[in-house]
């Protein structure tokens, strides 16, 4: 009996002792775990950066936004061949680091038809790139105008030194932000894209290449049309891999009469008067002095999807009239002045040039009548020398004797 009582009395003491040991151990664990990371957040493998895939000889271009083409106001720009800065989300894809055969120092293989180029890519489990994939690979994450930046540098890709095919990697600095080499300065590249400008489905788009007009041809947005059966000695192969992006250049092209006379409205005349050269606007007021005023206007369409307004007028000064034309691009915020072309003492008139993207400006000075050519150079305007009538035709005078 006494043994039973002793055992029953000892049982609570043992339980209490075990409980004390448990709580002391728990407290110690909590104290030692103060500096350890909390378990409340996601596990480390859920937040670690995803490694880029790898494929020998190719570069991974991650998914992201392409500002396709060239926004209005950024020059040079070919309005009837490029998207107007359209924002497009593209999925990631692989692209060859160099032109085929893909080896550093190799001469690009050219002279193939589009189908032959496609077969080269398929042989290695790849495909032809779309033209907007090539544009994305060139522009990089910052959507640059050229693969190396927004300001043209003829030496970087050798654009203005030669139009011959350069070996892969010869122009070491000709590299996009993604690490794609020789997108310009060497071979043009076949694409899988139809020439979607103005509904001409008989040609396809080629990208890259080289040429003398580097500031225009060297842009990431530049392309040209080529029949898929042609074997152009300057057109080669660069392949892509992965699911092709469906985005494409689908551009409606509007072409109207190149030059049309249009009577000015009061509002348009006032807008153009306000952006005339300052010396013709700020004239001291007197009976002999009258500030510049627009008297006639024309609509000029040098290329498809490009419409400019020409305004002609004069200012009257004590020394004689000062006349000319303003060439502007109209927008919702008003006219953007592109050029001022003087016609000296005669109020200007304009007529078509032999080149579709040009006009003649007719004026006169103390030596008599003359004309000057004005050419539209892909968004920029260039003014030529005076030409005068001689022997039934227009002749450009000797330099310095305009």
Foldseek 3Di string as FASTA:
>chain_A
DVVVVVVVVCVVVVVVVVVVVVVVVVVVVVVVCPPPDDPPDDDPVVPDDDDDDDDPQKFKAAWDKAQWADAPPDPQHDQQQTDRRDIDTWHMWIWGQWAPVRDFQAFHDFQAFLVVQQVVQVVVPFGFAALVVQLCQQLDPVREFGQQHPDDDCLQLVQAVDQEAGGWCPSVNQAHPRNRHQLANHAKEFGPAARQGAPPRQWGKIAHGHYNPCVQRRTSNDIDTDGRHGRDRRYGHMTMHDDHTPDHDHHHWDDDDFKAWDFDDPVQFVLVLVPPPPVQAPDDDDPQWFHWTFGTKMWGDLGTPDIKMKTWTWIGHPVAIWIWIWIWGADPVGTDTQDTDTQGRATWDKAPDPRSQKIKIWHADPVGIWIWIWGDDSPHIDIGATWDDDPNDTHGDDPPPD
